[in-house]
C-alpha atoms as a PDB file:
ATOM      1  CA  UNK A   1      46.545  27.227 -16.721  1.00  0.00           C
ATOM      2  CA  UNK A   2      49.229  29.869 -16.248  1.00  0.00           C
ATOM      3  CA  UNK A   3      50.630  29.913 -12.742  1.00  0.00           C
ATOM      4  CA  UNK A   4      51.438  33.152 -10.870  1.00  0.00           C
ATOM      5  CA  UNK A   5      54.913  34.538 -11.464  1.00  0.00           C
ATOM      6  CA  UNK A   6      55.897  33.693  -7.876  1.00  0.00           C
ATOM      7  CA  UNK A   7      54.967  30.046  -8.504  1.00  0.00           C
ATOM      8  CA  UNK A   8      57.017  30.004 -11.689  1.00  0.00           C
ATOM      9  CA  UNK A   9      60.016  31.422  -9.825  1.00  0.00           C
ATOM     10  CA  UNK A  10      59.595  28.840  -7.076  1.00  0.00           C
ATOM     11  CA  UNK A  11      59.605  26.109  -9.702  1.00  0.00           C
ATOM     12  CA  UNK A  12      62.835  27.506 -11.185  1.00  0.00           C
ATOM     13  CA  UNK A  13      64.493  27.586  -7.768  1.00  0.00           C
ATOM     14  CA  UNK A  14      63.533  23.994  -7.052  1.00  0.00           C
ATOM     15  CA  UNK A  15      65.413  22.885 -10.169  1.00  0.00           C
ATOM     16  CA  UNK A  16      68.592  24.504  -8.847  1.00  0.00           C
ATOM     17  CA  UNK A  17      70.980  22.601  -6.551  1.00  0.00           C
ATOM     18  CA  UNK A  18      71.568  24.430  -3.257  1.00  0.00           C
ATOM     19  CA  UNK A  19      68.822  26.946  -3.989  1.00  0.00           C
ATOM     20  CA  UNK A  20      68.296  29.963  -1.731  1.00  0.00           C
ATOM     21  CA  UNK A  21      65.850  28.825   0.950  1.00  0.00           C
ATOM     22  CA  UNK A  22      64.855  32.344   1.990  1.00  0.00           C
ATOM     23  CA  UNK A  23      64.062  33.297  -1.607  1.00  0.00           C
ATOM     24  CA  UNK A  24      61.959  30.162  -2.023  1.00  0.00           C
ATOM     25  CA  UNK A  25      60.066  30.936   1.193  1.00  0.00           C
ATOM     26  CA  UNK A  26      59.460  34.485  -0.006  1.00  0.00           C
ATOM     27  CA  UNK A  27      58.120  33.147  -3.315  1.00  0.00           C
ATOM     28  CA  UNK A  28      55.603  31.154  -1.289  1.00  0.00           C
ATOM     29  CA  UNK A  29      54.635  34.335   0.567  1.00  0.00           C
ATOM     30  CA  UNK A  30      54.419  36.325  -2.655  1.00  0.00           C
ATOM     31  CA  UNK A  31      51.305  34.452  -3.764  1.00  0.00           C
ATOM     32  CA  UNK A  32      49.572  35.790  -0.656  1.00  0.00           C
ATOM     33  CA  UNK A  33      51.221  39.232  -0.974  1.00  0.00           C
ATOM     34  CA  UNK A  34      51.584  39.993  -4.721  1.00  0.00           C
ATOM     35  CA  UNK A  35      53.299  43.338  -4.069  1.00  0.00           C
ATOM     36  CA  UNK A  36      55.991  41.729  -1.912  1.00  0.00           C
ATOM     37  CA  UNK A  37      59.488  42.673  -3.100  1.00  0.00           C
ATOM     38  CA  UNK A  38      61.673  39.633  -2.526  1.00  0.00           C
ATOM     39  CA  UNK A  39      64.917  41.587  -2.869  1.00  0.00           C
ATOM     40  CA  UNK A  40      63.917  43.928  -0.038  1.00  0.00           C
ATOM     41  CA  UNK A  41      63.619  41.059   2.427  1.00  0.00           C
ATOM     42  CA  UNK A  42      66.810  39.416   1.230  1.00  0.00           C
ATOM     43  CA  UNK A  43      68.494  42.783   1.831  1.00  0.00           C
ATOM     44  CA  UNK A  44      66.942  42.924   5.322  1.00  0.00           C
ATOM     45  CA  UNK A  45      68.502  39.554   6.156  1.00  0.00           C
ATOM     46  CA  UNK A  46      71.831  40.775   4.766  1.00  0.00           C
ATOM     47  CA  UNK A  47      71.657  43.861   6.978  1.00  0.00           C
ATOM     48  CA  UNK A  48      70.880  41.802  10.082  1.00  0.00           C
ATOM     49  CA  UNK A  49      73.848  39.562   9.388  1.00  0.00           C
ATOM     50  CA  UNK A  50      76.107  42.595   8.981  1.00  0.00           C
ATOM     51  CA  UNK A  51      75.032  43.872  12.400  1.00  0.00           C
ATOM     52  CA  UNK A  52      75.649  40.483  14.013  1.00  0.00           C
ATOM     53  CA  UNK A  53      79.052  40.222  12.334  1.00  0.00           C
ATOM     54  CA  UNK A  54      80.138  43.437  14.025  1.00  0.00           C
ATOM     55  CA  UNK A  55      79.501  41.937  17.456  1.00  0.00           C
ATOM     56  CA  UNK A  56      80.973  38.467  17.007  1.00  0.00           C
ATOM     57  CA  UNK A  57      83.715  37.406  19.441  1.00  0.00           C
ATOM     58  CA  UNK A  58      87.295  37.303  18.190  1.00  0.00           C
ATOM     59  CA  UNK A  59      87.369  33.546  18.721  1.00  0.00           C
ATOM     60  CA  UNK A  60      84.221  32.045  17.217  1.00  0.00           C
ATOM     61  CA  UNK A  61      83.474  29.247  19.658  1.00  0.00           C
ATOM     62  CA  UNK A  62      80.038  27.846  18.725  1.00  0.00           C
ATOM     63  CA  UNK A  63      78.361  28.683  22.036  1.00  0.00           C
ATOM     64  CA  UNK A  64      79.679  32.239  21.957  1.00  0.00           C
ATOM     65  CA  UNK A  65      78.419  32.732  18.401  1.00  0.00           C
ATOM     66  CA  UNK A  66      75.003  31.396  19.460  1.00  0.00           C
ATOM     67  CA  UNK A  67      74.972  33.790  22.422  1.00  0.00           C
ATOM     68  CA  UNK A  68      75.680  36.694  20.066  1.00  0.00           C
ATOM     69  CA  UNK A  69      72.919  35.618  17.673  1.00  0.00           C
ATOM     70  CA  UNK A  70      70.480  35.125  20.546  1.00  0.00           C
ATOM     71  CA  UNK A  71      71.210  38.524  22.047  1.00  0.00           C
ATOM     72  CA  UNK A  72      70.753  40.265  18.707  1.00  0.00           C
ATOM     73  CA  UNK A  73      67.561  38.490  17.593  1.00  0.00           C
ATOM     74  CA  UNK A  74      65.720  38.075  20.868  1.00  0.00           C
ATOM     75  CA  UNK A  75      66.925  41.013  22.942  1.00  0.00           C
ATOM     76  CA  UNK A  76      67.933  43.733  20.477  1.00  0.00           C
ATOM     77  CA  UNK A  77      65.246  43.021  17.862  1.00  0.00           C
ATOM     78  CA  UNK A  78      62.681  41.401  20.139  1.00  0.00           C
ATOM     79  CA  UNK A  79      61.836  38.321  18.066  1.00  0.00           C
ATOM     80  CA  UNK A  80      59.476  36.047  19.969  1.00  0.00           C
ATOM     81  CA  UNK A  81      57.533  32.871  19.285  1.00  0.00           C
ATOM     82  CA  UNK A  82      53.870  33.616  18.633  1.00  0.00           C
ATOM     83  CA  UNK A  83      52.246  31.484  21.315  1.00  0.00           C
ATOM     84  CA  UNK A  84      49.129  33.658  21.598  1.00  0.00           C
ATOM     85  CA  UNK A  85      48.017  33.188  17.978  1.00  0.00           C
ATOM     86  CA  UNK A  86      50.039  30.205  16.812  1.00  0.00           C
ATOM     87  CA  UNK A  87      47.743  29.356  13.869  1.00  0.00           C
ATOM     88  CA  UNK A  88      47.665  32.827  12.340  1.00  0.00           C
ATOM     89  CA  UNK A  89      48.650  32.254   8.659  1.00  0.00           C
ATOM     90  CA  UNK A  90      51.019  35.225   8.865  1.00  0.00           C
ATOM     91  CA  UNK A  91      53.287  33.146  11.101  1.00  0.00           C
ATOM     92  CA  UNK A  92      54.127  30.994   8.072  1.00  0.00           C
ATOM     93  CA  UNK A  93      55.115  33.829   5.731  1.00  0.00           C
ATOM     94  CA  UNK A  94      58.726  34.971   5.986  1.00  0.00           C
ATOM     95  CA  UNK A  95      57.965  38.593   5.097  1.00  0.00           C
ATOM     96  CA  UNK A  96      55.433  38.829   7.915  1.00  0.00           C
ATOM     97  CA  UNK A  97      57.810  37.166  10.361  1.00  0.00           C
ATOM     98  CA  UNK A  98      60.475  39.755   9.529  1.00  0.00           C
ATOM     99  CA  UNK A  99      57.959  42.614   9.678  1.00  0.00           C
ATOM    100  CA  UNK A 100      56.252  41.540  12.905  1.00  0.00           C
ATOM    101  CA  UNK A 101      59.239  39.806  14.550  1.00  0.00           C
ATOM    102  CA  UNK A 102      57.122  36.838  15.544  1.00  0.00           C
ATOM    103  CA  UNK A 103      56.259  33.479  14.052  1.00  0.00           C
ATOM    104  CA  UNK A 104      56.186  29.728  14.547  1.00  0.00           C
ATOM    105  CA  UNK A 105      59.242  27.542  15.267  1.00  0.00           C
ATOM    106  CA  UNK A 106      59.867  26.889  11.570  1.00  0.00           C
ATOM    107  CA  UNK A 107      59.861  30.489  10.382  1.00  0.00           C
ATOM    108  CA  UNK A 108      61.766  32.006  13.307  1.00  0.00           C
ATOM    109  CA  UNK A 109      64.300  29.228  12.733  1.00  0.00           C
ATOM    110  CA  UNK A 110      64.520  30.277   9.090  1.00  0.00           C
ATOM    111  CA  UNK A 111      65.488  33.828  10.050  1.00  0.00           C
ATOM    112  CA  UNK A 112      68.095  32.405  12.438  1.00  0.00           C
ATOM    113  CA  UNK A 113      69.453  29.979   9.820  1.00  0.00           C
ATOM    114  CA  UNK A 114      69.739  32.684   7.176  1.00  0.00           C
ATOM    115  CA  UNK A 115      71.658  35.044   9.449  1.00  0.00           C
ATOM    116  CA  UNK A 116      73.945  32.220  10.610  1.00  0.00           C
ATOM    117  CA  UNK A 117      74.713  31.260   7.016  1.00  0.00           C
ATOM    118  CA  UNK A 118      75.648  34.823   6.160  1.00  0.00           C
ATOM    119  CA  UNK A 119      78.173  35.048   9.014  1.00  0.00           C
ATOM    120  CA  UNK A 120      79.828  31.775   7.915  1.00  0.00           C
ATOM    121  CA  UNK A 121      78.355  29.820  10.806  1.00  0.00           C
ATOM    122  CA  UNK A 122      76.215  27.304   8.920  1.00  0.00           C
ATOM    123  CA  UNK A 123      73.388  25.635  10.801  1.00  0.00           C
ATOM    124  CA  UNK A 124      70.776  23.054   9.851  1.00  0.00           C
ATOM    125  CA  UNK A 125      67.140  22.493  10.723  1.00  0.00           C
ATOM    126  CA  UNK A 126      66.020  19.436  12.669  1.00  0.00           C
ATOM    127  CA  UNK A 127      62.541  17.876  12.495  1.00  0.00           C
ATOM    128  CA  UNK A 128      62.296  17.096  16.196  1.00  0.00           C
ATOM    129  CA  UNK A 129      58.900  15.488  17.011  1.00  0.00           C
ATOM    130  CA  UNK A 130      56.264  18.129  17.582  1.00  0.00           C
ATOM    131  CA  UNK A 131      58.713  20.991  17.247  1.00  0.00           C
ATOM    132  CA  UNK A 132      61.480  22.411  15.058  1.00  0.00           C
ATOM    133  CA  UNK A 133      65.033  22.909  16.251  1.00  0.00           C
ATOM    134  CA  UNK A 134      68.319  23.943  14.651  1.00  0.00           C
ATOM    135  CA  UNK A 135      71.953  23.115  15.328  1.00  0.00           C
ATOM    136  CA  UNK A 136      75.410  24.089  14.057  1.00  0.00           C
ATOM    137  CA  UNK A 137      76.667  21.906  11.225  1.00  0.00           C
ATOM    138  CA  UNK A 138      79.971  21.107  12.958  1.00  0.00           C
ATOM    139  CA  UNK A 139      80.253  17.401  13.765  1.00  0.00           C
ATOM    140  CA  UNK A 140      81.726  18.028  17.214  1.00  0.00           C
ATOM    141  CA  UNK A 141      78.836  20.216  18.414  1.00  0.00           C
ATOM    142  CA  UNK A 142      76.491  18.371  20.774  1.00  0.00           C
ATOM    143  CA  UNK A 143      73.704  20.888  21.349  1.00  0.00           C
ATOM    144  CA  UNK A 144      70.587  22.189  19.603  1.00  0.00           C
ATOM    145  CA  UNK A 145      68.958  25.612  19.609  1.00  0.00           C
ATOM    146  CA  UNK A 146      65.238  26.390  19.989  1.00  0.00           C
ATOM    147  CA  UNK A 147      64.592  29.768  18.299  1.00  0.00           C
ATOM    148  CA  UNK A 148      60.887  29.682  19.172  1.00  0.00           C
ATOM    149  CA  UNK A 149      61.830  29.854  22.851  1.00  0.00           C
ATOM    150  CA  UNK A 150      64.376  32.648  22.674  1.00  0.00           C
ATOM    151  CA  UNK A 151      67.276  30.571  21.383  1.00  0.00           C
ATOM    152  CA  UNK A 152      67.245  28.144  24.310  1.00  0.00           C
ATOM    153  CA  UNK A 153      70.234  25.796  24.141  1.00  0.00           C
ATOM    154  CA  UNK A 154      69.360  22.118  24.453  1.00  0.00           C
ATOM    155  CA  UNK A 155      71.861  19.377  25.188  1.00  0.00           C
ATOM    156  CA  UNK A 156      71.124  15.655  24.761  1.00  0.00           C
ATOM    157  CA  UNK A 157      69.421  15.300  28.143  1.00  0.00           C
ATOM    158  CA  UNK A 158      67.293  18.384  27.472  1.00  0.00           C
ATOM    159  CA  UNK A 159      66.097  16.880  24.172  1.00  0.00           C
ATOM    160  CA  UNK A 160      65.280  13.634  25.949  1.00  0.00           C
ATOM    161  CA  UNK A 161      63.244  15.510  28.556  1.00  0.00           C
ATOM    162  CA  UNK A 162      61.372  17.376  25.814  1.00  0.00           C
ATOM    163  CA  UNK A 163      60.551  14.042  24.203  1.00  0.00           C
ATOM    164  CA  UNK A 164      59.241  12.618  27.483  1.00  0.00           C
ATOM    165  CA  UNK A 165      57.070  15.726  27.997  1.00  0.00           C
ATOM    166  CA  UNK A 166      55.694  15.436  24.467  1.00  0.00           C
ATOM    167  CA  UNK A 167      54.611  11.804  24.799  1.00  0.00           C
ATOM    168  CA  UNK A 168      53.827  11.862  28.506  1.00  0.00           C
ATOM    169  CA  UNK A 169      56.073   8.867  29.094  1.00  0.00           C
ATOM    170  CA  UNK A 170      59.732   7.901  28.596  1.00  0.00           C
ATOM    171  CA  UNK A 171      60.470   7.462  24.889  1.00  0.00           C
ATOM    172  CA  UNK A 172      63.791   6.229  23.566  1.00  0.00           C
ATOM    173  CA  UNK A 173      65.545   8.896  21.514  1.00  0.00           C
ATOM    174  CA  UNK A 174      65.971   7.854  17.879  1.00  0.00           C
ATOM    175  CA  UNK A 175      68.567   9.251  15.493  1.00  0.00           C
ATOM    176  CA  UNK A 176      65.794  10.179  13.044  1.00  0.00           C
ATOM    177  CA  UNK A 177      64.392  12.636  15.615  1.00  0.00           C
ATOM    178  CA  UNK A 178      67.539  14.744  15.267  1.00  0.00           C
ATOM    179  CA  UNK A 179      68.403  14.211  11.609  1.00  0.00           C
ATOM    180  CA  UNK A 180      68.872  17.365   9.498  1.00  0.00           C
ATOM    181  CA  UNK A 181      66.186  18.397   7.027  1.00  0.00           C
ATOM    182  CA  UNK A 182      66.827  19.234   3.397  1.00  0.00           C
ATOM    183  CA  UNK A 183      65.656  22.568   1.951  1.00  0.00           C
ATOM    184  CA  UNK A 184      62.898  20.650   0.130  1.00  0.00           C
ATOM    185  CA  UNK A 185      61.739  19.091   3.396  1.00  0.00           C
ATOM    186  CA  UNK A 186      61.822  22.492   5.069  1.00  0.00           C
ATOM    187  CA  UNK A 187      59.567  24.032   2.398  1.00  0.00           C
ATOM    188  CA  UNK A 188      57.246  21.027   2.474  1.00  0.00           C
ATOM    189  CA  UNK A 189      56.796  21.403   6.228  1.00  0.00           C
ATOM    190  CA  UNK A 190      56.128  25.122   5.803  1.00  0.00           C
ATOM    191  CA  UNK A 191      53.481  24.420   3.174  1.00  0.00           C
ATOM    192  CA  UNK A 192      51.901  21.596   5.192  1.00  0.00           C
ATOM    193  CA  UNK A 193      51.497  24.023   8.101  1.00  0.00           C
ATOM    194  CA  UNK A 194      49.742  26.493   5.816  1.00  0.00           C
ATOM    195  CA  UNK A 195      47.558  23.783   4.336  1.00  0.00           C
ATOM    196  CA  UNK A 196      46.307  22.721   7.776  1.00  0.00           C
ATOM    197  CA  UNK A 197      45.560  26.336   8.682  1.00  0.00           C
ATOM    198  CA  UNK A 198      43.584  26.949   5.484  1.00  0.00           C
ATOM    199  CA  UNK A 199      41.691  23.668   5.918  1.00  0.00           C
ATOM    200  CA  UNK A 200      40.720  24.779   9.409  1.00  0.00           C
ATOM    201  CA  UNK A 201      39.592  28.142   8.029  1.00  0.00           C
ATOM    202  CA  UNK A 202      37.727  26.349   5.189  1.00  0.00           C
ATOM    203  CA  UNK A 203      39.590  28.423   2.600  1.00  0.00           C
ATOM    204  CA  UNK A 204      39.691  25.674  -0.025  1.00  0.00           C
ATOM    205  CA  UNK A 205      41.036  27.729  -2.981  1.00  0.00           C
ATOM    206  CA  UNK A 206      44.040  28.780  -0.871  1.00  0.00           C
ATOM    207  CA  UNK A 207      44.392  25.226   0.344  1.00  0.00           C
ATOM    208  CA  UNK A 208      44.490  24.031  -3.272  1.00  0.00           C
ATOM    209  CA  UNK A 209      47.203  26.571  -4.123  1.00  0.00           C
ATOM    210  CA  UNK A 210      49.290  25.241  -1.251  1.00  0.00           C
ATOM    211  CA  UNK A 211      48.708  21.636  -2.322  1.00  0.00           C
ATOM    212  CA  UNK A 212      49.860  22.479  -5.850  1.00  0.00           C
ATOM    213  CA  UNK A 213      53.115  23.870  -4.489  1.00  0.00           C
ATOM    214  CA  UNK A 214      53.705  20.822  -2.308  1.00  0.00           C
ATOM    215  CA  UNK A 215      53.501  18.772  -5.490  1.00  0.00           C
ATOM    216  CA  UNK A 216      56.052  21.026  -7.173  1.00  0.00           C
ATOM    217  CA  UNK A 217      58.464  19.817  -4.501  1.00  0.00           C
ATOM    218  CA  UNK A 218      57.256  16.188  -4.266  1.00  0.00           C
ATOM    219  CA  UNK A 219      55.492  15.364  -7.563  1.00  0.00           C
ATOM    220  CA  UNK A 220      54.700  11.739  -6.716  1.00  0.00           C
ATOM    221  CA  UNK A 221      53.804  12.102  -3.055  1.00  0.00           C
ATOM    222  CA  UNK A 222      50.520  11.223  -1.372  1.00  0.00           C
ATOM    223  CA  UNK A 223      49.634  14.885  -1.805  1.00  0.00           C
ATOM    224  CA  UNK A 224      48.183  13.758  -5.174  1.00  0.00           C
ATOM    225  CA  UNK A 225      45.246  12.338  -3.219  1.00  0.00           C
ATOM    226  CA  UNK A 226      44.716  15.514  -1.228  1.00  0.00           C
ATOM    227  CA  UNK A 227      44.882  17.751  -4.282  1.00  0.00           C
ATOM    228  CA  UNK A 228      42.470  15.412  -6.086  1.00  0.00           C
ATOM    229  CA  UNK A 229      39.984  15.671  -3.229  1.00  0.00           C
ATOM    230  CA  UNK A 230      40.334  19.450  -3.191  1.00  0.00           C
ATOM    231  CA  UNK A 231      39.720  19.565  -6.950  1.00  0.00           C
ATOM    232  CA  UNK A 232      36.626  17.428  -6.397  1.00  0.00           C
ATOM    233  CA  UNK A 233      35.271  19.666  -3.637  1.00  0.00           C
ATOM    234  CA  UNK A 234      35.854  22.754  -5.774  1.00  0.00           C
ATOM    235  CA  UNK A 235      34.065  21.238  -8.766  1.00  0.00           C
ATOM    236  CA  UNK A 236      37.097  20.521 -10.966  1.00  0.00           C
ATOM    237  CA  UNK A 237      36.157  16.921 -11.587  1.00  0.00           C
ATOM    238  CA  UNK A 238      38.373  16.228 -14.596  1.00  0.00           C
ATOM    239  CA  UNK A 239      41.444  17.377 -12.640  1.00  0.00           C
ATOM    240  CA  UNK A 240      40.253  15.411  -9.621  1.00  0.00           C
ATOM    241  CA  UNK A 241      39.898  12.217 -11.657  1.00  0.00           C
ATOM    242  CA  UNK A 242      43.392  12.689 -13.100  1.00  0.00           C
ATOM    243  CA  UNK A 243      45.019  13.151  -9.672  1.00  0.00           C
ATOM    244  CA  UNK A 244      43.131  10.369  -7.939  1.00  0.00           C
ATOM    245  CA  UNK A 245      43.845   7.917 -10.752  1.00  0.00           C
ATOM    246  CA  UNK A 246      47.541   8.860 -10.592  1.00  0.00           C
ATOM    247  CA  UNK A 247      47.462   8.404  -6.837  1.00  0.00           C
ATOM    248  CA  UNK A 248      46.106   4.863  -7.097  1.00  0.00           C
ATOM    249  CA  UNK A 249      48.627   4.087  -9.819  1.00  0.00           C
ATOM    250  CA  UNK A 250      51.471   5.305  -7.612  1.00  0.00           C
ATOM    251  CA  UNK A 251      50.128   3.735  -4.399  1.00  0.00           C
ATOM    252  CA  UNK A 252      48.233   0.604  -5.529  1.00  0.00           C
ATOM    253  CA  UNK A 253      48.137  -0.778  -1.971  1.00  0.00           C
ATOM    254  CA  UNK A 254      46.926   2.440  -0.334  1.00  0.00           C
ATOM    255  CA  UNK A 255      44.708   1.841   2.701  1.00  0.00           C
ATOM    256  CA  UNK A 256      42.139   4.312   1.351  1.00  0.00           C
ATOM    257  CA  UNK A 257      42.020   2.641  -2.077  1.00  0.00           C
ATOM    258  CA  UNK A 258      38.367   1.612  -1.799  1.00  0.00           C
ATOM    259  CA  UNK A 259      37.284   5.100  -0.730  1.00  0.00           C
ATOM    260  CA  UNK A 260      39.146   6.700  -3.623  1.00  0.00           C
ATOM    261  CA  UNK A 261      37.594   4.211  -6.055  1.00  0.00           C
ATOM    262  CA  UNK A 262      34.158   5.093  -4.706  1.00  0.00           C
ATOM    263  CA  UNK A 263      34.882   8.762  -5.319  1.00  0.00           C
ATOM    264  CA  UNK A 264      36.084   8.050  -8.863  1.00  0.00           C
ATOM    265  CA  UNK A 265      32.966   5.961  -9.502  1.00  0.00           C
ATOM    266  CA  UNK A 266      30.818   8.804  -8.191  1.00  0.00           C
ATOM    267  CA  UNK A 267      32.415  11.198 -10.695  1.00  0.00           C
ATOM    268  CA  UNK A 268      32.196   8.704 -13.561  1.00  0.00           C
ATOM    269  CA  UNK A 269      28.444   8.464 -12.989  1.00  0.00           C
ATOM    270  CA  UNK A 270      28.223  12.241 -12.822  1.00  0.00           C
ATOM    271  CA  UNK A 271      26.230  12.073  -9.599  1.00  0.00           C
END
């Protein structure tokens, strides 16, 4: 099977240390929008960064830089978190987020991160439970930023309150809740969001395409099981058997081992 050109380019990027996250995200979008011109959106991010650069304070204190970024993105350009139609697939595609100036926490954060990187103010993403935040990379900075909510600045106590609201009871903050994500983890989360949306919409071929790309990033992950089940549901039994057998070989103590064996037995009997 020959994969789409966008998939091939994504694979190439993933083999490159410190690959361009925006380009990788646009390659993901390009499978949905074959006419998408990646360079045009990279240029759009460059232009936004140039405009921000012109308004930066003479002394680049982190909070003042954040205020400049927030004013530009959320007041001048009008970016806003899409709370009305959160599960619209377009919220997960970077080109649509740039075009429509709305998206989910992950993708609005990506626009923010890309502009910050271009103005030499590097920031990182944070997989906070139930949400996605970003923060400056400097070790002495003690706050996070929530791009989905207009660039709201969150200090330690604010994050703790968010956590309590999320769980409905006091929960002890753990360092893992605020640990930075890698570019690979960022893309995986983006694809997992899309996968859940397509499952909900019962668009199994698109769901399979997403699952295949997750496995480009994490070849030996539990996604092998999910892709195998998707292959099975779509009638590709040989591919399903291959994935599910690999899954059991990789995770011999998996809790769903008996269910997967039943499925393999079902295919072996050709039922």
